[in-house]
Amino acid sequence: MAEDLWRTWPVGSRAMVRRRLPAGDSHLFTDVVGDLLAVDDDGVLLRTRRHGDVRVPGSEIAIGKLVPRPRR
């Protein structure tokens, strides 16, 4: 299934996921970008620069992709 493509991402890569926010929030989605620490049946764990380790449940992943590392 295309929406579960995140399940195939290799740990150690850099990824972006668009996360669905709860009903009633001021926005529908937020993006989480970081290094992929874990992928399992429940979702992904990303290490972000701003918020540290962020767990995103699979049910909240609207879309995502692997992205290049930032230039220094």
PDB file of N, CA and C in Angstrom:
ATOM      1  N   MET A   1       0.841  -1.180   0.000  1.00  0.00           N
ATOM      2  CA  MET A   1       0.000   0.000   0.000  1.00  0.00           C
ATOM      3  C   MET A   1       0.887   1.245   0.000  1.00  0.00           C
ATOM      4  N   ALA A   2       0.609   2.203  -0.840  1.00  0.00           N
ATOM      5  CA  ALA A   2       1.462   3.378  -0.994  1.00  0.00           C
ATOM      6  C   ALA A   2       1.577   4.188   0.288  1.00  0.00           C
ATOM      7  N   GLU A   3       0.506   4.289   1.052  1.00  0.00           N
ATOM      8  CA  GLU A   3       0.561   5.108   2.262  1.00  0.00           C
ATOM      9  C   GLU A   3       1.437   4.491   3.350  1.00  0.00           C
ATOM     10  N   ASP A   4       1.789   3.215   3.195  1.00  0.00           N
ATOM     11  CA  ASP A   4       2.669   2.560   4.173  1.00  0.00           C
ATOM     12  C   ASP A   4       4.110   2.477   3.690  1.00  0.00           C
ATOM     13  N   LEU A   5       4.472   3.283   2.706  1.00  0.00           N
ATOM     14  CA  LEU A   5       5.822   3.270   2.163  1.00  0.00           C
ATOM     15  C   LEU A   5       6.864   3.528   3.247  1.00  0.00           C
ATOM     16  N   TRP A   6       6.501   4.277   4.269  1.00  0.00           N
ATOM     17  CA  TRP A   6       7.429   4.571   5.369  1.00  0.00           C
ATOM     18  C   TRP A   6       7.950   3.291   6.025  1.00  0.00           C
ATOM     19  N   ARG A   7       7.214   2.203   5.941  1.00  0.00           N
ATOM     20  CA  ARG A   7       7.647   0.935   6.539  1.00  0.00           C
ATOM     21  C   ARG A   7       8.919   0.389   5.886  1.00  0.00           C
ATOM     22  N   THR A   8       9.225   0.845   4.662  1.00  0.00           N
ATOM     23  CA  THR A   8      10.395   0.338   3.930  1.00  0.00           C
ATOM     24  C   THR A   8      11.638   1.205   4.119  1.00  0.00           C
ATOM     25  N   TRP A   9      11.506   2.326   4.810  1.00  0.00           N
ATOM     26  CA  TRP A   9      12.636   3.241   4.952  1.00  0.00           C
ATOM     27  C   TRP A   9      13.730   2.632   5.822  1.00  0.00           C
ATOM     28  N   PRO A  10      14.996   2.781   5.417  1.00  0.00           N
ATOM     29  CA  PRO A  10      16.090   2.237   6.227  1.00  0.00           C
ATOM     30  C   PRO A  10      16.432   3.142   7.421  1.00  0.00           C
ATOM     31  N   VAL A  11      16.607   2.527   8.559  1.00  0.00           N
ATOM     32  CA  VAL A  11      17.051   3.259   9.756  1.00  0.00           C
ATOM     33  C   VAL A  11      18.382   3.923   9.435  1.00  0.00           C
ATOM     34  N   GLY A  12      18.568   5.156   9.894  1.00  0.00           N
ATOM     35  CA  GLY A  12      19.776   5.913   9.630  1.00  0.00           C
ATOM     36  C   GLY A  12      19.606   6.932   8.519  1.00  0.00           C
ATOM     37  N   SER A  13      18.550   6.791   7.721  1.00  0.00           N
ATOM     38  CA  SER A  13      18.307   7.771   6.664  1.00  0.00           C
ATOM     39  C   SER A  13      17.615   9.001   7.264  1.00  0.00           C
ATOM     40  N   ARG A  14      17.490  10.036   6.458  1.00  0.00           N
ATOM     41  CA  ARG A  14      16.813  11.257   6.878  1.00  0.00           C
ATOM     42  C   ARG A  14      15.443  11.266   6.209  1.00  0.00           C
ATOM     43  N   ALA A  15      14.416  11.619   6.967  1.00  0.00           N
ATOM     44  CA  ALA A  15      13.063  11.541   6.439  1.00  0.00           C
ATOM     45  C   ALA A  15      12.226  12.735   6.879  1.00  0.00           C
ATOM     46  N   MET A  16      11.157  12.954   6.116  1.00  0.00           N
ATOM     47  CA  MET A  16      10.146  13.948   6.446  1.00  0.00           C
ATOM     48  C   MET A  16       8.812  13.223   6.442  1.00  0.00           C
ATOM     49  N   VAL A  17       8.024  13.425   7.502  1.00  0.00           N
ATOM     50  CA  VAL A  17       6.664  12.907   7.516  1.00  0.00           C
ATOM     51  C   VAL A  17       5.700  14.055   7.786  1.00  0.00           C
ATOM     52  N   ARG A  18       4.586  14.028   7.092  1.00  0.00           N
ATOM     53  CA  ARG A  18       3.510  14.983   7.341  1.00  0.00           C
ATOM     54  C   ARG A  18       2.547  14.283   8.292  1.00  0.00           C
ATOM     55  N   ARG A  19       2.454  14.843   9.483  1.00  0.00           N
ATOM     56  CA  ARG A  19       1.684  14.236  10.570  1.00  0.00           C
ATOM     57  C   ARG A  19       0.315  14.896  10.686  1.00  0.00           C
ATOM     58  N   ARG A  20      -0.728  14.061  10.732  1.00  0.00           N
ATOM     59  CA  ARG A  20      -2.093  14.581  10.954  1.00  0.00           C
ATOM     60  C   ARG A  20      -2.204  15.066  12.396  1.00  0.00           C
ATOM     61  N   LEU A  21      -2.802  16.231  12.580  1.00  0.00           N
ATOM     62  CA  LEU A  21      -3.018  16.768  13.917  1.00  0.00           C
ATOM     63  C   LEU A  21      -4.444  16.462  14.375  1.00  0.00           C
ATOM     64  N   PRO A  22      -4.690  16.494  15.671  1.00  0.00           N
ATOM     65  CA  PRO A  22      -6.039  16.190  16.182  1.00  0.00           C
ATOM     66  C   PRO A  22      -7.088  17.184  15.686  1.00  0.00           C
ATOM     67  N   ALA A  23      -8.309  16.708  15.570  1.00  0.00           N
ATOM     68  CA  ALA A  23      -9.424  17.574  15.178  1.00  0.00           C
ATOM     69  C   ALA A  23      -9.514  18.740  16.157  1.00  0.00           C
ATOM     70  N   GLY A  24      -9.789  19.916  15.650  1.00  0.00           N
ATOM     71  CA  GLY A  24      -9.906  21.093  16.492  1.00  0.00           C
ATOM     72  C   GLY A  24      -8.612  21.872  16.616  1.00  0.00           C
ATOM     73  N   ASP A  25      -7.492  21.302  16.162  1.00  0.00           N
ATOM     74  CA  ASP A  25      -6.221  22.010  16.184  1.00  0.00           C
ATOM     75  C   ASP A  25      -6.288  23.150  15.165  1.00  0.00           C
ATOM     76  N   SER A  26      -5.426  24.135  15.290  1.00  0.00           N
ATOM     77  CA  SER A  26      -5.451  25.279  14.372  1.00  0.00           C
ATOM     78  C   SER A  26      -4.981  24.904  12.967  1.00  0.00           C
ATOM     79  N   HIS A  27      -4.280  23.786  12.817  1.00  0.00           N
ATOM     80  CA  HIS A  27      -3.814  23.295  11.521  1.00  0.00           C
ATOM     81  C   HIS A  27      -4.218  21.832  11.371  1.00  0.00           C
ATOM     82  N   LEU A  28      -4.250  21.359  10.134  1.00  0.00           N
ATOM     83  CA  LEU A  28      -4.578  19.951   9.885  1.00  0.00           C
ATOM     84  C   LEU A  28      -3.361  19.046  10.003  1.00  0.00           C
ATOM     85  N   PHE A  29      -2.161  19.603   9.623  1.00  0.00           N
ATOM     86  CA  PHE A  29      -0.935  18.809   9.571  1.00  0.00           C
ATOM     87  C   PHE A  29       0.241  19.589  10.123  1.00  0.00           C
ATOM     88  N   THR A  30       1.305  18.855  10.459  1.00  0.00           N
ATOM     89  CA  THR A  30       2.597  19.446  10.755  1.00  0.00           C
ATOM     90  C   THR A  30       3.657  18.514  10.180  1.00  0.00           C
ATOM     91  N   ASP A  31       4.794  19.073   9.799  1.00  0.00           N
ATOM     92  CA  ASP A  31       5.875  18.260   9.250  1.00  0.00           C
ATOM     93  C   ASP A  31       6.912  17.973  10.326  1.00  0.00           C
ATOM     94  N   VAL A  32       7.426  16.762  10.304  1.00  0.00           N
ATOM     95  CA  VAL A  32       8.496  16.352  11.207  1.00  0.00           C
ATOM     96  C   VAL A  32       9.640  15.875  10.324  1.00  0.00           C
ATOM     97  N   VAL A  33      10.836  16.468  10.502  1.00  0.00           N
ATOM     98  CA  VAL A  33      12.008  16.126   9.705  1.00  0.00           C
ATOM     99  C   VAL A  33      13.124  15.724  10.642  1.00  0.00           C
ATOM    100  N   GLY A  34      13.780  14.609  10.333  1.00  0.00           N
ATOM    101  CA  GLY A  34      14.900  14.200  11.168  1.00  0.00           C
ATOM    102  C   GLY A  34      15.507  12.887  10.730  1.00  0.00           C
ATOM    103  N   ASP A  35      16.473  12.440  11.513  1.00  0.00           N
ATOM    104  CA  ASP A  35      17.143  11.169  11.255  1.00  0.00           C
ATOM    105  C   ASP A  35      16.272  10.036  11.778  1.00  0.00           C
ATOM    106  N   LEU A  36      16.122   9.025  10.965  1.00  0.00           N
ATOM    107  CA  LEU A  36      15.251   7.900  11.284  1.00  0.00           C
ATOM    108  C   LEU A  36      15.951   6.952  12.253  1.00  0.00           C
ATOM    109  N   LEU A  37      15.425   6.883  13.471  1.00  0.00           N
ATOM    110  CA  LEU A  37      16.000   6.018  14.504  1.00  0.00           C
ATOM    111  C   LEU A  37      15.355   4.642  14.547  1.00  0.00           C
ATOM    112  N   ALA A  38      14.061   4.567  14.207  1.00  0.00           N
ATOM    113  CA  ALA A  38      13.350   3.290  14.264  1.00  0.00           C
ATOM    114  C   ALA A  38      12.136   3.319  13.354  1.00  0.00           C
ATOM    115  N   VAL A  39      11.843   2.152  12.792  1.00  0.00           N
ATOM    116  CA  VAL A  39      10.639   1.934  11.995  1.00  0.00           C
ATOM    117  C   VAL A  39      10.064   0.610  12.466  1.00  0.00           C
ATOM    118  N   ASP A  40       8.792   0.615  12.847  1.00  0.00           N
ATOM    119  CA  ASP A  40       8.146  -0.633  13.245  1.00  0.00           C
ATOM    120  C   ASP A  40       6.680  -0.576  12.838  1.00  0.00           C
ATOM    121  N   ASP A  41       5.930  -1.587  13.208  1.00  0.00           N
ATOM    122  CA  ASP A  41       4.526  -1.646  12.809  1.00  0.00           C
ATOM    123  C   ASP A  41       3.699  -0.490  13.363  1.00  0.00           C
ATOM    124  N   ASP A  42       4.188   0.160  14.421  1.00  0.00           N
ATOM    125  CA  ASP A  42       3.434   1.238  15.056  1.00  0.00           C
ATOM    126  C   ASP A  42       3.740   2.619  14.497  1.00  0.00           C
ATOM    127  N   GLY A  43       4.845   2.776  13.753  1.00  0.00           N
ATOM    128  CA  GLY A  43       5.192   4.083  13.214  1.00  0.00           C
ATOM    129  C   GLY A  43       6.687   4.281  13.097  1.00  0.00           C
ATOM    130  N   VAL A  44       7.118   5.540  13.224  1.00  0.00           N
ATOM    131  CA  VAL A  44       8.532   5.875  13.085  1.00  0.00           C
ATOM    132  C   VAL A  44       8.991   6.714  14.274  1.00  0.00           C
ATOM    133  N   LEU A  45      10.288   6.668  14.513  1.00  0.00           N
ATOM    134  CA  LEU A  45      10.925   7.510  15.523  1.00  0.00           C
ATOM    135  C   LEU A  45      11.991   8.316  14.815  1.00  0.00           C
ATOM    136  N   LEU A  46      11.862   9.651  14.881  1.00  0.00           N
ATOM    137  CA  LEU A  46      12.789  10.566  14.230  1.00  0.00           C
ATOM    138  C   LEU A  46      13.521  11.402  15.270  1.00  0.00           C
ATOM    139  N   ARG A  47      14.812  11.620  15.051  1.00  0.00           N
ATOM    140  CA  ARG A  47      15.573  12.545  15.896  1.00  0.00           C
ATOM    141  C   ARG A  47      15.640  13.874  15.165  1.00  0.00           C
ATOM    142  N   THR A  48      14.948  14.883  15.717  1.00  0.00           N
ATOM    143  CA  THR A  48      14.878  16.194  15.092  1.00  0.00           C
ATOM    144  C   THR A  48      15.847  17.154  15.768  1.00  0.00           C
ATOM    145  N   ARG A  49      16.176  18.220  15.077  1.00  0.00           N
ATOM    146  CA  ARG A  49      17.063  19.241  15.658  1.00  0.00           C
ATOM    147  C   ARG A  49      16.364  20.034  16.754  1.00  0.00           C
ATOM    148  N   ARG A  50      15.111  20.371  16.527  1.00  0.00           N
ATOM    149  CA  ARG A  50      14.396  21.272  17.421  1.00  0.00           C
ATOM    150  C   ARG A  50      13.730  20.572  18.607  1.00  0.00           C
ATOM    151  N   HIS A  51      13.148  19.384  18.374  1.00  0.00           N
ATOM    152  CA  HIS A  51      12.335  18.745  19.413  1.00  0.00           C
ATOM    153  C   HIS A  51      12.900  17.431  19.935  1.00  0.00           C
ATOM    154  N   GLY A  52      14.126  17.103  19.537  1.00  0.00           N
ATOM    155  CA  GLY A  52      14.711  15.845  19.995  1.00  0.00           C
ATOM    156  C   GLY A  52      14.044  14.660  19.318  1.00  0.00           C
ATOM    157  N   ASP A  53      13.875  13.562  20.043  1.00  0.00           N
ATOM    158  CA  ASP A  53      13.273  12.356  19.485  1.00  0.00           C
ATOM    159  C   ASP A  53      11.750  12.498  19.456  1.00  0.00           C
ATOM    160  N   VAL A  54      11.175  12.273  18.278  1.00  0.00           N
ATOM    161  CA  VAL A  54       9.737  12.424  18.085  1.00  0.00           C
ATOM    162  C   VAL A  54       9.184  11.129  17.519  1.00  0.00           C
ATOM    163  N   ARG A  55       8.251  10.542  18.223  1.00  0.00           N
ATOM    164  CA  ARG A  55       7.571   9.320  17.765  1.00  0.00           C
ATOM    165  C   ARG A  55       6.325   9.733  16.984  1.00  0.00           C
ATOM    166  N   VAL A  56       6.182   9.235  15.757  1.00  0.00           N
ATOM    167  CA  VAL A  56       5.011   9.521  14.944  1.00  0.00           C
ATOM    168  C   VAL A  56       4.298   8.195  14.669  1.00  0.00           C
ATOM    169  N   PRO A  57       3.127   8.001  15.247  1.00  0.00           N
ATOM    170  CA  PRO A  57       2.374   6.767  14.992  1.00  0.00           C
ATOM    171  C   PRO A  57       2.008   6.646  13.514  1.00  0.00           C
ATOM    172  N   GLY A  58       2.007   5.438  13.007  1.00  0.00           N
ATOM    173  CA  GLY A  58       1.664   5.204  11.612  1.00  0.00           C
ATOM    174  C   GLY A  58       0.297   5.743  11.242  1.00  0.00           C
ATOM    175  N   SER A  59      -0.633   5.706  12.175  1.00  0.00           N
ATOM    176  CA  SER A  59      -1.989   6.203  11.906  1.00  0.00           C
ATOM    177  C   SER A  59      -2.024   7.717  11.691  1.00  0.00           C
ATOM    178  N   GLU A  60      -0.970   8.427  12.098  1.00  0.00           N
ATOM    179  CA  GLU A  60      -0.911   9.884  11.940  1.00  0.00           C
ATOM    180  C   GLU A  60      -0.070  10.313  10.743  1.00  0.00           C
ATOM    181  N   ILE A  61       0.566   9.360  10.044  1.00  0.00           N
ATOM    182  CA  ILE A  61       1.401   9.699   8.895  1.00  0.00           C
ATOM    183  C   ILE A  61       0.512   9.834   7.667  1.00  0.00           C
ATOM    184  N   ALA A  62       0.391  11.071   7.162  1.00  0.00           N
ATOM    185  CA  ALA A  62      -0.407  11.321   5.966  1.00  0.00           C
ATOM    186  C   ALA A  62       0.416  11.028   4.719  1.00  0.00           C
ATOM    187  N   ILE A  63       1.682  11.429   4.742  1.00  0.00           N
ATOM    188  CA  ILE A  63       2.596  11.239   3.621  1.00  0.00           C
ATOM    189  C   ILE A  63       4.008  11.429   4.152  1.00  0.00           C
ATOM    190  N   GLY A  64       4.963  10.942   3.427  1.00  0.00           N
ATOM    191  CA  GLY A  64       6.341  11.123   3.843  1.00  0.00           C
ATOM    192  C   GLY A  64       7.292  10.784   2.724  1.00  0.00           C
ATOM    193  N   LYS A  65       8.563  11.125   2.943  1.00  0.00           N
ATOM    194  CA  LYS A  65       9.587  10.807   1.952  1.00  0.00           C
ATOM    195  C   LYS A  65      10.957  10.871   2.604  1.00  0.00           C
ATOM    196  N   LEU A  66      11.915  10.228   1.958  1.00  0.00           N
ATOM    197  CA  LEU A  66      13.302  10.350   2.370  1.00  0.00           C
ATOM    198  C   LEU A  66      13.835  11.648   1.783  1.00  0.00           C
ATOM    199  N   VAL A  67      14.667  12.344   2.545  1.00  0.00           N
ATOM    200  CA  VAL A  67      15.192  13.638   2.095  1.00  0.00           C
ATOM    201  C   VAL A  67      16.701  13.653   2.297  1.00  0.00           C
ATOM    202  N   PRO A  68      17.405  14.488   1.510  1.00  0.00           N
ATOM    203  CA  PRO A  68      18.855  14.573   1.665  1.00  0.00           C
ATOM    204  C   PRO A  68      19.243  15.271   2.970  1.00  0.00           C
ATOM    205  N   ARG A  69      20.428  14.981   3.427  1.00  0.00           N
ATOM    206  CA  ARG A  69      20.959  15.657   4.614  1.00  0.00           C
ATOM    207  C   ARG A  69      21.253  17.113   4.261  1.00  0.00           C
ATOM    208  N   PRO A  70      21.143  18.020   5.233  1.00  0.00           N
ATOM    209  CA  PRO A  70      21.423  19.436   4.948  1.00  0.00           C
ATOM    210  C   PRO A  70      22.903  19.653   4.650  1.00  0.00           C
ATOM    211  N   ARG A  71      23.177  20.628   3.822  1.00  0.00           N
ATOM    212  CA  ARG A  71      24.580  20.998   3.547  1.00  0.00           C
ATOM    213  C   ARG A  71      25.128  21.772   4.705  1.00  0.00           C
ATOM    214  N   ARG A  72      26.398  21.654   4.899  1.00  0.00           N
ATOM    215  CA  ARG A  72      27.042  22.396   6.004  1.00  0.00           C
ATOM    216  C   ARG A  72      27.888  23.504   5.493  1.00  0.00           C
TER     217      ARG A  72
END
